[in-house]
Amino acid sequence: MHPIYSLDKTKQAALLEAVALLSRFYWGPAADGSRDLLLGIYLRPFESLKSAVDYKPSGILDELKAISTMFRDENDIFQCLEQAYVRLFINSLDGIAAPLYASCYEPGRAVGEDAPLMGPPAVMMKQRFNSKGLSLGDHIHEPPDHLSIELEYLYFLLERGGSDGDAALLDEAVSFAGQVMLPWVNKFQERIAPVESECRFYHLITAILCTLLRFIGDLDRP
């Protein structure tokens, strides 16, 4: 049996909370969430999943806890994360290291090469939304293959599939996580790792994301 079907209610809730948190992280740091980051409160759902999820590297949650202790106050951690977010994902003199769009990781596309605004992954995401009667909110001005949007769609599949007992939605969550998201998110993670030395938060949290995508995609079992 796929592991997501055998999670108890507590771990099901933790998995949903973890996916929702990850989606928010890739929209960028928010000042009103800095306290949870400073105190390490945000790690609770990830810790709740430790007995079910094989985090790689194994000490990654401890590394994230250690990062939180490096800051003096909420503003300090917010400023650090904001600078790292812009440097990695938005704008940098050396070029954006890791764009947040799946279209940028299509086979044959060079690092730093501009991706089409609505490349094949974005078109496919729009079709997925349409097939479920979903649409992006009027306040969202990003292509549908933005990492946070894909995570929100994964959350929808897991939440609705679990609450409605809809096996088809859960099966889609498995294939979407493992076959659609993980291949490009692995590349995304590989681009962050060698360039981020000043603030390792996004490097580590993306490693957690890759771990959860492998878990949901049922790719860790022999």
N, C-alpha and C. Protein backbone atom coordinates (compact mmCIF):
# COMPACT_ATOMS: atom_id res chain seq x y z
N MET A 1 0.84 -1.20 0.00
CA MET A 1 0.00 0.00 0.00
C MET A 1 0.88 1.25 0.00
N HIS A 2 0.48 2.25 -0.79
CA HIS A 2 1.22 3.50 -0.82
C HIS A 2 1.19 4.14 0.57
N PRO A 3 2.31 4.70 1.04
CA PRO A 3 2.35 5.23 2.40
C PRO A 3 1.34 6.34 2.70
N ILE A 4 0.96 7.15 1.72
CA ILE A 4 0.03 8.23 2.05
C ILE A 4 -1.36 7.69 2.38
N TYR A 5 -1.68 6.45 1.94
CA TYR A 5 -2.97 5.87 2.25
C TYR A 5 -3.01 5.31 3.67
N SER A 6 -1.85 5.07 4.25
CA SER A 6 -1.80 4.44 5.57
C SER A 6 -1.44 5.42 6.69
N LEU A 7 -1.30 6.72 6.37
CA LEU A 7 -1.00 7.70 7.41
C LEU A 7 -2.18 7.85 8.36
N ASP A 8 -1.90 7.99 9.65
CA ASP A 8 -3.00 8.25 10.58
C ASP A 8 -3.43 9.71 10.43
N LYS A 9 -4.49 10.09 11.13
CA LYS A 9 -5.07 11.43 10.97
C LYS A 9 -4.06 12.52 11.34
N THR A 10 -3.27 12.26 12.38
CA THR A 10 -2.29 13.27 12.81
C THR A 10 -1.25 13.51 11.73
N LYS A 11 -0.76 12.45 11.13
CA LYS A 11 0.26 12.60 10.08
C LYS A 11 -0.34 13.14 8.78
N GLN A 12 -1.59 12.79 8.49
CA GLN A 12 -2.26 13.38 7.33
C GLN A 12 -2.32 14.89 7.48
N ALA A 13 -2.71 15.35 8.68
CA ALA A 13 -2.79 16.79 8.93
C ALA A 13 -1.40 17.43 8.85
N ALA A 14 -0.39 16.73 9.37
CA ALA A 14 0.98 17.26 9.33
C ALA A 14 1.47 17.37 7.90
N LEU A 15 1.16 16.39 7.06
CA LEU A 15 1.58 16.44 5.66
C LEU A 15 0.95 17.62 4.94
N LEU A 16 -0.34 17.83 5.17
CA LEU A 16 -1.02 18.98 4.55
C LEU A 16 -0.41 20.29 5.03
N GLU A 17 -0.16 20.39 6.33
CA GLU A 17 0.44 21.61 6.87
C GLU A 17 1.83 21.83 6.29
N ALA A 18 2.59 20.77 6.13
CA ALA A 18 3.94 20.89 5.58
C ALA A 18 3.90 21.38 4.14
N VAL A 19 3.00 20.84 3.33
CA VAL A 19 2.89 21.27 1.93
C VAL A 19 2.45 22.74 1.86
N ALA A 20 1.51 23.13 2.72
CA ALA A 20 1.05 24.51 2.74
C ALA A 20 2.18 25.46 3.15
N LEU A 21 2.96 25.07 4.15
CA LEU A 21 4.09 25.89 4.59
C LEU A 21 5.11 26.07 3.47
N LEU A 22 5.43 24.99 2.79
CA LEU A 22 6.40 25.06 1.70
C LEU A 22 5.92 25.99 0.61
N SER A 23 4.64 25.94 0.29
CA SER A 23 4.10 26.84 -0.71
C SER A 23 4.30 28.29 -0.29
N ARG A 24 4.04 28.59 0.97
CA ARG A 24 4.20 29.97 1.44
C ARG A 24 5.66 30.41 1.39
N PHE A 25 6.59 29.50 1.71
CA PHE A 25 8.00 29.87 1.71
C PHE A 25 8.46 30.37 0.33
N TYR A 26 7.95 29.74 -0.73
CA TYR A 26 8.42 30.12 -2.07
C TYR A 26 7.68 31.31 -2.66
N TRP A 27 6.70 31.84 -1.92
CA TRP A 27 6.15 33.14 -2.29
C TRP A 27 7.05 34.26 -1.77
N GLY A 28 7.93 33.91 -0.86
CA GLY A 28 8.84 34.90 -0.28
C GLY A 28 8.60 35.06 1.20
N PRO A 29 9.61 35.53 1.95
CA PRO A 29 9.45 35.68 3.40
C PRO A 29 8.44 36.77 3.73
N ALA A 30 7.73 36.58 4.83
CA ALA A 30 6.75 37.56 5.30
C ALA A 30 7.13 37.97 6.71
N ALA A 31 7.08 39.26 6.98
CA ALA A 31 7.48 39.76 8.29
C ALA A 31 6.63 39.14 9.40
N ASP A 32 5.33 38.89 9.11
CA ASP A 32 4.46 38.37 10.16
C ASP A 32 4.68 36.89 10.43
N GLY A 33 5.52 36.23 9.63
CA GLY A 33 5.83 34.83 9.88
C GLY A 33 7.22 34.62 10.46
N SER A 34 7.92 35.72 10.71
CA SER A 34 9.31 35.62 11.16
C SER A 34 9.44 35.05 12.56
N ARG A 35 8.43 35.27 13.41
CA ARG A 35 8.51 34.74 14.77
C ARG A 35 8.55 33.22 14.76
N ASP A 36 7.70 32.61 13.92
CA ASP A 36 7.69 31.14 13.82
C ASP A 36 9.03 30.61 13.33
N LEU A 37 9.64 31.36 12.41
CA LEU A 37 10.95 30.96 11.90
C LEU A 37 12.02 31.10 12.98
N LEU A 38 11.97 32.20 13.70
CA LEU A 38 12.96 32.46 14.74
C LEU A 38 12.90 31.41 15.85
N LEU A 39 11.68 31.00 16.22
CA LEU A 39 11.49 30.05 17.31
C LEU A 39 11.50 28.59 16.83
N GLY A 40 11.54 28.40 15.52
CA GLY A 40 11.53 27.04 14.99
C GLY A 40 10.18 26.37 15.03
N ILE A 41 9.11 27.15 15.28
CA ILE A 41 7.76 26.59 15.37
C ILE A 41 7.34 25.96 14.05
N TYR A 42 7.78 26.54 12.95
CA TYR A 42 7.39 26.05 11.62
C TYR A 42 7.84 24.62 11.36
N LEU A 43 8.79 24.12 12.14
CA LEU A 43 9.32 22.77 11.91
C LEU A 43 8.41 21.67 12.46
N ARG A 44 7.40 22.03 13.24
CA ARG A 44 6.58 21.02 13.91
C ARG A 44 5.94 20.01 12.95
N PRO A 45 5.32 20.43 11.84
CA PRO A 45 4.74 19.40 10.95
C PRO A 45 5.78 18.48 10.34
N PHE A 46 6.97 19.02 10.05
CA PHE A 46 8.03 18.18 9.49
C PHE A 46 8.53 17.18 10.54
N GLU A 47 8.59 17.62 11.79
CA GLU A 47 9.00 16.72 12.87
C GLU A 47 7.95 15.64 13.10
N SER A 48 6.67 16.00 12.95
CA SER A 48 5.60 15.02 13.14
C SER A 48 5.66 13.89 12.12
N LEU A 49 6.29 14.17 10.98
CA LEU A 49 6.37 13.18 9.90
C LEU A 49 7.64 12.34 9.95
N LYS A 50 8.51 12.58 10.93
CA LYS A 50 9.82 11.92 10.95
C LYS A 50 9.73 10.40 10.96
N SER A 51 8.73 9.86 11.62
CA SER A 51 8.63 8.39 11.69
C SER A 51 8.16 7.78 10.38
N ALA A 52 7.62 8.61 9.48
CA ALA A 52 7.12 8.10 8.21
C ALA A 52 7.99 8.51 7.02
N VAL A 53 8.68 9.63 7.16
CA VAL A 53 9.43 10.21 6.04
C VAL A 53 10.93 10.08 6.30
N ASP A 54 11.66 9.63 5.30
CA ASP A 54 13.11 9.46 5.41
C ASP A 54 13.80 10.73 4.89
N TYR A 55 13.98 11.71 5.80
CA TYR A 55 14.60 12.96 5.40
C TYR A 55 16.05 12.74 4.99
N LYS A 56 16.42 13.42 3.92
CA LYS A 56 17.79 13.33 3.42
C LYS A 56 18.32 14.74 3.17
N PRO A 57 19.45 15.11 3.83
CA PRO A 57 20.21 14.33 4.81
C PRO A 57 19.44 14.16 6.11
N SER A 58 19.79 13.18 6.89
CA SER A 58 19.01 12.80 8.07
C SER A 58 18.97 13.89 9.14
N GLY A 59 20.01 14.71 9.22
CA GLY A 59 20.05 15.75 10.24
C GLY A 59 19.55 17.09 9.80
N ILE A 60 18.75 17.11 8.74
CA ILE A 60 18.37 18.39 8.14
C ILE A 60 17.50 19.25 9.06
N LEU A 61 16.64 18.63 9.85
CA LEU A 61 15.80 19.42 10.75
C LEU A 61 16.66 20.08 11.83
N ASP A 62 17.67 19.39 12.30
CA ASP A 62 18.59 19.98 13.29
C ASP A 62 19.37 21.15 12.67
N GLU A 63 19.73 21.03 11.40
CA GLU A 63 20.42 22.12 10.73
C GLU A 63 19.54 23.36 10.65
N LEU A 64 18.26 23.16 10.36
CA LEU A 64 17.34 24.29 10.29
C LEU A 64 17.13 24.91 11.67
N LYS A 65 17.07 24.08 12.70
CA LYS A 65 16.97 24.62 14.07
C LYS A 65 18.19 25.48 14.39
N ALA A 66 19.36 25.01 13.98
CA ALA A 66 20.60 25.75 14.26
C ALA A 66 20.59 27.10 13.56
N ILE A 67 20.03 27.16 12.35
CA ILE A 67 19.96 28.43 11.64
C ILE A 67 19.14 29.43 12.43
N SER A 68 18.01 28.98 12.99
CA SER A 68 17.14 29.89 13.74
C SER A 68 17.86 30.53 14.91
N THR A 69 18.79 29.80 15.53
CA THR A 69 19.49 30.33 16.71
C THR A 69 20.54 31.38 16.35
N MET A 70 20.81 31.56 15.06
CA MET A 70 21.84 32.50 14.64
C MET A 70 21.36 33.94 14.63
N PHE A 71 20.03 34.15 14.75
CA PHE A 71 19.48 35.49 14.59
C PHE A 71 19.09 36.11 15.91
N ARG A 72 19.19 37.44 15.98
CA ARG A 72 18.91 38.17 17.21
C ARG A 72 17.41 38.36 17.43
N ASP A 73 16.69 38.64 16.35
CA ASP A 73 15.27 38.95 16.50
C ASP A 73 14.54 38.65 15.20
N GLU A 74 13.23 38.92 15.17
CA GLU A 74 12.40 38.60 14.01
C GLU A 74 12.81 39.40 12.78
N ASN A 75 13.16 40.65 12.98
CA ASN A 75 13.55 41.48 11.84
C ASN A 75 14.86 40.99 11.25
N ASP A 76 15.75 40.53 12.08
CA ASP A 76 17.05 40.03 11.62
C ASP A 76 16.87 38.84 10.67
N ILE A 77 16.03 37.88 11.06
CA ILE A 77 15.83 36.70 10.22
C ILE A 77 15.05 37.07 8.96
N PHE A 78 14.11 38.00 9.08
CA PHE A 78 13.35 38.43 7.91
C PHE A 78 14.26 39.08 6.87
N GLN A 79 15.15 39.97 7.32
CA GLN A 79 16.05 40.66 6.39
C GLN A 79 16.97 39.67 5.69
N CYS A 80 17.47 38.70 6.43
CA CYS A 80 18.38 37.70 5.84
C CYS A 80 17.66 36.88 4.78
N LEU A 81 16.44 36.41 5.10
CA LEU A 81 15.70 35.59 4.16
C LEU A 81 15.25 36.39 2.94
N GLU A 82 14.87 37.63 3.17
CA GLU A 82 14.44 38.46 2.04
C GLU A 82 15.57 38.67 1.06
N GLN A 83 16.76 38.97 1.57
CA GLN A 83 17.92 39.16 0.69
C GLN A 83 18.26 37.89 -0.06
N ALA A 84 18.21 36.76 0.63
CA ALA A 84 18.51 35.48 -0.02
C ALA A 84 17.48 35.15 -1.08
N TYR A 85 16.21 35.41 -0.78
CA TYR A 85 15.13 35.12 -1.73
C TYR A 85 15.32 35.92 -3.01
N VAL A 86 15.60 37.20 -2.88
CA VAL A 86 15.80 38.04 -4.06
C VAL A 86 17.03 37.57 -4.83
N ARG A 87 18.10 37.30 -4.12
CA ARG A 87 19.37 36.91 -4.77
C ARG A 87 19.23 35.59 -5.53
N LEU A 88 18.50 34.65 -4.96
CA LEU A 88 18.38 33.32 -5.57
C LEU A 88 17.33 33.26 -6.67
N PHE A 89 16.19 33.91 -6.45
CA PHE A 89 15.02 33.64 -7.27
C PHE A 89 14.51 34.82 -8.10
N ILE A 90 14.93 36.05 -7.76
CA ILE A 90 14.32 37.21 -8.40
C ILE A 90 15.29 38.01 -9.24
N ASN A 91 16.40 38.44 -8.63
CA ASN A 91 17.30 39.34 -9.33
C ASN A 91 18.70 39.25 -8.74
N SER A 92 19.69 39.08 -9.60
CA SER A 92 21.08 39.02 -9.15
C SER A 92 21.98 39.51 -10.27
N LEU A 93 23.07 40.17 -9.91
CA LEU A 93 24.02 40.67 -10.91
C LEU A 93 24.59 39.53 -11.74
N ASP A 94 24.72 38.35 -11.15
CA ASP A 94 25.29 37.20 -11.85
C ASP A 94 24.22 36.36 -12.55
N GLY A 95 22.98 36.85 -12.54
CA GLY A 95 21.88 36.08 -13.12
C GLY A 95 21.17 35.28 -12.04
N ILE A 96 19.89 35.01 -12.26
CA ILE A 96 19.10 34.28 -11.28
C ILE A 96 19.59 32.84 -11.21
N ALA A 97 19.93 32.40 -10.02
CA ALA A 97 20.47 31.06 -9.86
C ALA A 97 19.41 29.99 -10.07
N ALA A 98 18.22 30.22 -9.53
CA ALA A 98 17.20 29.16 -9.52
C ALA A 98 15.82 29.77 -9.72
N PRO A 99 15.39 29.99 -10.95
CA PRO A 99 14.04 30.52 -11.17
C PRO A 99 12.99 29.60 -10.56
N LEU A 100 11.87 30.18 -10.21
CA LEU A 100 10.81 29.45 -9.50
C LEU A 100 9.79 28.83 -10.43
N TYR A 101 10.10 28.70 -11.72
CA TYR A 101 9.14 28.23 -12.71
C TYR A 101 9.60 26.93 -13.36
N ALA A 102 8.68 26.00 -13.46
CA ALA A 102 9.02 24.70 -14.06
C ALA A 102 9.50 24.84 -15.49
N SER A 103 8.98 25.82 -16.23
CA SER A 103 9.37 26.00 -17.63
C SER A 103 10.86 26.26 -17.80
N CYS A 104 11.50 26.77 -16.74
CA CYS A 104 12.93 27.07 -16.81
C CYS A 104 13.80 25.83 -16.74
N TYR A 105 13.19 24.68 -16.47
CA TYR A 105 13.95 23.44 -16.27
C TYR A 105 13.61 22.38 -17.32
N GLU A 106 13.04 22.83 -18.42
CA GLU A 106 12.75 21.93 -19.52
C GLU A 106 14.05 21.38 -20.09
N PRO A 107 14.07 20.13 -20.55
CA PRO A 107 15.28 19.56 -21.14
C PRO A 107 15.83 20.42 -22.27
N GLY A 108 17.14 20.62 -22.26
CA GLY A 108 17.78 21.39 -23.31
C GLY A 108 17.86 22.87 -23.02
N ARG A 109 17.26 23.32 -21.91
CA ARG A 109 17.30 24.74 -21.59
C ARG A 109 18.53 25.03 -20.73
N ALA A 110 19.33 25.99 -21.14
CA ALA A 110 20.57 26.30 -20.43
C ALA A 110 20.27 27.08 -19.16
N VAL A 111 21.16 26.94 -18.18
CA VAL A 111 21.04 27.70 -16.94
C VAL A 111 21.06 29.20 -17.25
N GLY A 112 20.09 29.93 -16.71
CA GLY A 112 20.04 31.37 -16.94
C GLY A 112 19.30 31.76 -18.19
N GLU A 113 19.00 30.81 -19.06
CA GLU A 113 18.28 31.14 -20.29
C GLU A 113 16.83 31.48 -19.95
N ASP A 114 16.32 32.56 -20.54
CA ASP A 114 14.95 32.96 -20.28
C ASP A 114 13.99 31.88 -20.77
N ALA A 115 13.02 31.55 -19.94
CA ALA A 115 12.00 30.58 -20.32
C ALA A 115 10.79 31.31 -20.88
N PRO A 116 10.05 30.69 -21.79
CA PRO A 116 8.84 31.32 -22.28
C PRO A 116 7.86 31.53 -21.14
N LEU A 117 7.09 32.62 -21.22
CA LEU A 117 6.16 32.95 -20.14
C LEU A 117 5.15 31.84 -19.92
N MET A 118 4.73 31.20 -21.00
CA MET A 118 3.79 30.08 -20.89
C MET A 118 4.35 28.88 -21.62
N GLY A 119 5.45 28.33 -21.08
CA GLY A 119 6.04 27.13 -21.65
C GLY A 119 5.14 25.93 -21.42
N PRO A 120 5.52 24.76 -21.95
CA PRO A 120 4.69 23.56 -21.81
C PRO A 120 4.27 23.24 -20.38
N PRO A 121 5.16 23.35 -19.37
CA PRO A 121 4.71 23.06 -18.01
C PRO A 121 3.61 24.00 -17.53
N ALA A 122 3.70 25.28 -17.92
CA ALA A 122 2.66 26.24 -17.53
C ALA A 122 1.34 25.92 -18.21
N VAL A 123 1.40 25.56 -19.48
CA VAL A 123 0.18 25.19 -20.21
C VAL A 123 -0.47 23.97 -19.57
N MET A 124 0.35 22.99 -19.21
CA MET A 124 -0.19 21.78 -18.58
C MET A 124 -0.81 22.09 -17.22
N MET A 125 -0.19 22.99 -16.46
CA MET A 125 -0.77 23.35 -15.16
C MET A 125 -2.11 24.05 -15.35
N LYS A 126 -2.20 24.91 -16.33
CA LYS A 126 -3.47 25.58 -16.59
C LYS A 126 -4.54 24.56 -16.94
N GLN A 127 -4.18 23.56 -17.72
CA GLN A 127 -5.14 22.51 -18.08
C GLN A 127 -5.55 21.70 -16.85
N ARG A 128 -4.60 21.44 -15.94
CA ARG A 128 -4.94 20.72 -14.71
C ARG A 128 -5.94 21.52 -13.88
N PHE A 129 -5.69 22.81 -13.75
CA PHE A 129 -6.62 23.65 -13.01
C PHE A 129 -8.01 23.62 -13.65
N ASN A 130 -8.05 23.77 -14.95
CA ASN A 130 -9.34 23.79 -15.65
C ASN A 130 -10.08 22.47 -15.48
N SER A 131 -9.34 21.36 -15.49
CA SER A 131 -9.98 20.05 -15.38
C SER A 131 -10.65 19.84 -14.02
N LYS A 132 -10.20 20.60 -13.01
CA LYS A 132 -10.77 20.46 -11.66
C LYS A 132 -11.71 21.62 -11.33
N GLY A 133 -11.97 22.47 -12.31
CA GLY A 133 -12.83 23.63 -12.05
C GLY A 133 -12.16 24.67 -11.18
N LEU A 134 -10.83 24.72 -11.20
CA LEU A 134 -10.07 25.67 -10.39
C LEU A 134 -9.58 26.82 -11.25
N SER A 135 -9.23 27.91 -10.60
CA SER A 135 -8.62 29.04 -11.30
C SER A 135 -7.73 29.79 -10.33
N LEU A 136 -6.76 30.50 -10.86
CA LEU A 136 -5.88 31.30 -10.02
C LEU A 136 -6.63 32.53 -9.53
N GLY A 137 -6.34 32.93 -8.29
CA GLY A 137 -6.97 34.12 -7.75
C GLY A 137 -6.55 35.37 -8.51
N ASP A 138 -7.41 36.38 -8.48
CA ASP A 138 -7.14 37.62 -9.20
C ASP A 138 -5.88 38.32 -8.69
N HIS A 139 -5.48 38.00 -7.45
CA HIS A 139 -4.31 38.65 -6.86
C HIS A 139 -3.01 37.98 -7.28
N ILE A 140 -3.09 36.85 -7.98
CA ILE A 140 -1.89 36.13 -8.39
C ILE A 140 -1.54 36.51 -9.82
N HIS A 141 -0.35 37.03 -10.00
CA HIS A 141 0.09 37.49 -11.32
C HIS A 141 1.32 36.71 -11.77
N GLU A 142 1.33 35.44 -11.48
CA GLU A 142 2.43 34.56 -11.87
C GLU A 142 1.91 33.47 -12.80
N PRO A 143 2.77 32.95 -13.68
CA PRO A 143 2.37 31.80 -14.51
C PRO A 143 2.03 30.61 -13.62
N PRO A 144 1.17 29.72 -14.09
CA PRO A 144 0.72 28.60 -13.24
C PRO A 144 1.77 27.55 -12.94
N ASP A 145 2.97 27.64 -13.54
CA ASP A 145 4.02 26.68 -13.21
C ASP A 145 4.97 27.22 -12.15
N HIS A 146 4.58 28.29 -11.45
CA HIS A 146 5.34 28.77 -10.30
C HIS A 146 5.34 27.69 -9.23
N LEU A 147 6.44 27.51 -8.53
CA LEU A 147 6.57 26.43 -7.56
C LEU A 147 5.47 26.49 -6.49
N SER A 148 5.18 27.67 -5.98
CA SER A 148 4.15 27.78 -4.95
C SER A 148 2.78 27.37 -5.47
N ILE A 149 2.49 27.69 -6.72
CA ILE A 149 1.20 27.33 -7.30
C ILE A 149 1.11 25.82 -7.49
N GLU A 150 2.19 25.21 -7.93
CA GLU A 150 2.17 23.76 -8.07
C GLU A 150 1.99 23.09 -6.71
N LEU A 151 2.60 23.65 -5.67
CA LEU A 151 2.42 23.10 -4.33
C LEU A 151 0.98 23.29 -3.84
N GLU A 152 0.38 24.39 -4.19
CA GLU A 152 -1.03 24.60 -3.81
C GLU A 152 -1.93 23.59 -4.51
N TYR A 153 -1.59 23.26 -5.75
CA TYR A 153 -2.37 22.24 -6.46
C TYR A 153 -2.18 20.88 -5.81
N LEU A 154 -0.94 20.56 -5.42
CA LEU A 154 -0.67 19.30 -4.73
C LEU A 154 -1.46 19.25 -3.42
N TYR A 155 -1.51 20.36 -2.71
CA TYR A 155 -2.28 20.43 -1.47
C TYR A 155 -3.76 20.12 -1.75
N PHE A 156 -4.29 20.72 -2.80
CA PHE A 156 -5.69 20.47 -3.17
C PHE A 156 -5.94 18.98 -3.41
N LEU A 157 -5.06 18.33 -4.16
CA LEU A 157 -5.23 16.91 -4.45
C LEU A 157 -5.20 16.08 -3.18
N LEU A 158 -4.25 16.38 -2.30
CA LEU A 158 -4.13 15.61 -1.06
C LEU A 158 -5.31 15.87 -0.12
N GLU A 159 -5.66 17.14 0.03
CA GLU A 159 -6.72 17.49 0.98
C GLU A 159 -8.07 16.99 0.51
N ARG A 160 -8.41 17.26 -0.75
CA ARG A 160 -9.71 16.85 -1.27
C ARG A 160 -9.76 15.33 -1.42
N GLY A 161 -8.68 14.75 -1.87
CA GLY A 161 -8.65 13.29 -2.00
C GLY A 161 -8.83 12.60 -0.67
N GLY A 162 -8.21 13.14 0.38
CA GLY A 162 -8.32 12.54 1.70
C GLY A 162 -9.68 12.78 2.33
N SER A 163 -10.17 14.02 2.28
CA SER A 163 -11.44 14.34 2.93
C SER A 163 -12.63 13.70 2.24
N ASP A 164 -12.56 13.55 0.91
CA ASP A 164 -13.67 12.96 0.15
C ASP A 164 -13.49 11.46 -0.08
N GLY A 165 -12.35 10.92 0.34
CA GLY A 165 -12.08 9.51 0.06
C GLY A 165 -11.99 9.23 -1.43
N ASP A 166 -11.44 10.21 -2.16
CA ASP A 166 -11.37 10.12 -3.62
C ASP A 166 -10.01 9.54 -4.02
N ALA A 167 -9.98 8.26 -4.33
CA ALA A 167 -8.73 7.59 -4.67
C ALA A 167 -8.11 8.16 -5.94
N ALA A 168 -8.94 8.63 -6.87
CA ALA A 168 -8.41 9.17 -8.13
C ALA A 168 -7.60 10.43 -7.86
N LEU A 169 -8.07 11.28 -6.94
CA LEU A 169 -7.32 12.49 -6.62
C LEU A 169 -6.02 12.16 -5.90
N LEU A 170 -6.06 11.18 -5.00
CA LEU A 170 -4.84 10.78 -4.31
C LEU A 170 -3.84 10.15 -5.28
N ASP A 171 -4.36 9.36 -6.21
CA ASP A 171 -3.47 8.78 -7.23
C ASP A 171 -2.83 9.88 -8.07
N GLU A 172 -3.61 10.93 -8.36
CA GLU A 172 -3.03 12.04 -9.12
C GLU A 172 -1.99 12.77 -8.30
N ALA A 173 -2.23 12.90 -6.99
CA ALA A 173 -1.24 13.53 -6.11
C ALA A 173 0.07 12.76 -6.17
N VAL A 174 -0.01 11.43 -6.17
CA VAL A 174 1.19 10.59 -6.24
C VAL A 174 1.94 10.84 -7.55
N SER A 175 1.25 10.80 -8.66
CA SER A 175 1.91 10.97 -9.95
C SER A 175 2.38 12.41 -10.15
N PHE A 176 1.60 13.37 -9.66
CA PHE A 176 1.98 14.78 -9.81
C PHE A 176 3.25 15.08 -9.02
N ALA A 177 3.32 14.58 -7.78
CA ALA A 177 4.50 14.81 -6.95
C ALA A 177 5.73 14.13 -7.52
N GLY A 178 5.59 12.86 -7.89
CA GLY A 178 6.75 12.08 -8.29
C GLY A 178 7.18 12.24 -9.73
N GLN A 179 6.22 12.41 -10.63
CA GLN A 179 6.54 12.44 -12.05
C GLN A 179 6.58 13.84 -12.65
N VAL A 180 5.80 14.77 -12.08
CA VAL A 180 5.74 16.13 -12.63
C VAL A 180 6.65 17.08 -11.84
N MET A 181 6.47 17.11 -10.52
CA MET A 181 7.20 18.09 -9.74
C MET A 181 8.65 17.69 -9.45
N LEU A 182 8.85 16.47 -8.95
CA LEU A 182 10.18 16.10 -8.46
C LEU A 182 11.29 16.25 -9.49
N PRO A 183 11.11 15.87 -10.75
CA PRO A 183 12.23 16.02 -11.70
C PRO A 183 12.74 17.45 -11.82
N TRP A 184 11.83 18.42 -11.90
CA TRP A 184 12.33 19.78 -12.05
C TRP A 184 12.73 20.39 -10.70
N VAL A 185 12.10 19.99 -9.62
CA VAL A 185 12.48 20.52 -8.31
C VAL A 185 13.86 19.99 -7.90
N ASN A 186 14.20 18.78 -8.31
CA ASN A 186 15.57 18.29 -8.09
C ASN A 186 16.58 19.20 -8.78
N LYS A 187 16.30 19.60 -10.01
CA LYS A 187 17.20 20.51 -10.73
C LYS A 187 17.26 21.87 -10.05
N PHE A 188 16.12 22.33 -9.59
CA PHE A 188 16.01 23.58 -8.84
C PHE A 188 16.92 23.53 -7.61
N GLN A 189 16.85 22.43 -6.87
CA GLN A 189 17.68 22.24 -5.68
C GLN A 189 19.16 22.22 -6.04
N GLU A 190 19.51 21.57 -7.13
CA GLU A 190 20.91 21.49 -7.54
C GLU A 190 21.48 22.86 -7.87
N ARG A 191 20.65 23.77 -8.35
CA ARG A 191 21.13 25.11 -8.67
C ARG A 191 21.31 25.96 -7.42
N ILE A 192 20.51 25.71 -6.39
CA ILE A 192 20.64 26.49 -5.16
C ILE A 192 21.90 26.09 -4.39
N ALA A 193 22.15 24.79 -4.30
CA ALA A 193 23.19 24.26 -3.41
C ALA A 193 24.55 24.92 -3.57
N PRO A 194 25.09 25.08 -4.80
CA PRO A 194 26.46 25.59 -4.90
C PRO A 194 26.59 27.10 -4.76
N VAL A 195 25.48 27.84 -4.80
CA VAL A 195 25.59 29.30 -4.80
C VAL A 195 25.14 29.95 -3.50
N GLU A 196 24.47 29.19 -2.64
CA GLU A 196 23.93 29.79 -1.42
C GLU A 196 24.77 29.42 -0.20
N SER A 197 25.65 30.32 0.18
CA SER A 197 26.49 30.10 1.36
C SER A 197 26.15 31.08 2.47
N GLU A 198 25.52 32.22 2.12
CA GLU A 198 25.23 33.25 3.12
C GLU A 198 24.03 32.89 3.99
N CYS A 199 23.03 32.31 3.37
CA CYS A 199 21.82 31.93 4.11
C CYS A 199 21.35 30.59 3.57
N ARG A 200 21.52 29.54 4.35
CA ARG A 200 21.28 28.19 3.85
C ARG A 200 19.82 27.75 3.99
N PHE A 201 18.95 28.63 4.43
CA PHE A 201 17.57 28.24 4.67
C PHE A 201 16.92 27.65 3.43
N TYR A 202 17.02 28.33 2.29
CA TYR A 202 16.32 27.84 1.09
C TYR A 202 16.94 26.56 0.55
N HIS A 203 18.23 26.43 0.71
CA HIS A 203 18.88 25.18 0.32
C HIS A 203 18.32 24.01 1.14
N LEU A 204 18.23 24.20 2.44
CA LEU A 204 17.76 23.12 3.31
C LEU A 204 16.28 22.86 3.17
N ILE A 205 15.48 23.91 3.08
CA ILE A 205 14.04 23.72 2.99
C ILE A 205 13.67 23.08 1.65
N THR A 206 14.47 23.34 0.62
CA THR A 206 14.21 22.69 -0.67
C THR A 206 14.60 21.22 -0.62
N ALA A 207 15.61 20.88 0.17
CA ALA A 207 15.94 19.46 0.37
C ALA A 207 14.78 18.76 1.06
N ILE A 208 14.13 19.42 2.01
CA ILE A 208 12.95 18.85 2.64
C ILE A 208 11.83 18.69 1.63
N LEU A 209 11.65 19.70 0.78
CA LEU A 209 10.63 19.59 -0.27
C LEU A 209 10.88 18.38 -1.15
N CYS A 210 12.12 18.18 -1.58
CA CYS A 210 12.43 17.02 -2.43
C CYS A 210 12.13 15.72 -1.70
N THR A 211 12.44 15.68 -0.40
CA THR A 211 12.15 14.48 0.38
C THR A 211 10.65 14.20 0.41
N LEU A 212 9.84 15.23 0.64
CA LEU A 212 8.39 15.03 0.71
C LEU A 212 7.81 14.66 -0.65
N LEU A 213 8.36 15.22 -1.72
CA LEU A 213 7.88 14.84 -3.05
C LEU A 213 8.20 13.38 -3.34
N ARG A 214 9.38 12.92 -2.92
CA ARG A 214 9.71 11.50 -3.08
C ARG A 214 8.76 10.64 -2.27
N PHE A 215 8.45 11.07 -1.06
CA PHE A 215 7.55 10.31 -0.19
C PHE A 215 6.15 10.23 -0.81
N ILE A 216 5.61 11.38 -1.20
CA ILE A 216 4.26 11.38 -1.79
C ILE A 216 4.26 10.61 -3.11
N GLY A 217 5.34 10.76 -3.88
CA GLY A 217 5.44 10.06 -5.16
C GLY A 217 5.78 8.60 -5.02
N ASP A 218 5.96 8.12 -3.78
CA ASP A 218 6.22 6.71 -3.50
C ASP A 218 7.49 6.24 -4.19
N LEU A 219 8.55 7.06 -4.09
CA LEU A 219 9.79 6.73 -4.78
C LEU A 219 10.89 6.26 -3.84
N ASP A 220 10.60 6.17 -2.54
CA ASP A 220 11.62 5.76 -1.59
C ASP A 220 11.63 4.27 -1.31
N ARG A 221 10.56 3.60 -1.70
CA ARG A 221 10.49 2.15 -1.40
C ARG A 221 11.33 1.36 -2.40
N PRO A 222 12.01 0.30 -1.95
CA PRO A 222 12.82 -0.53 -2.85
C PRO A 222 11.94 -1.27 -3.84
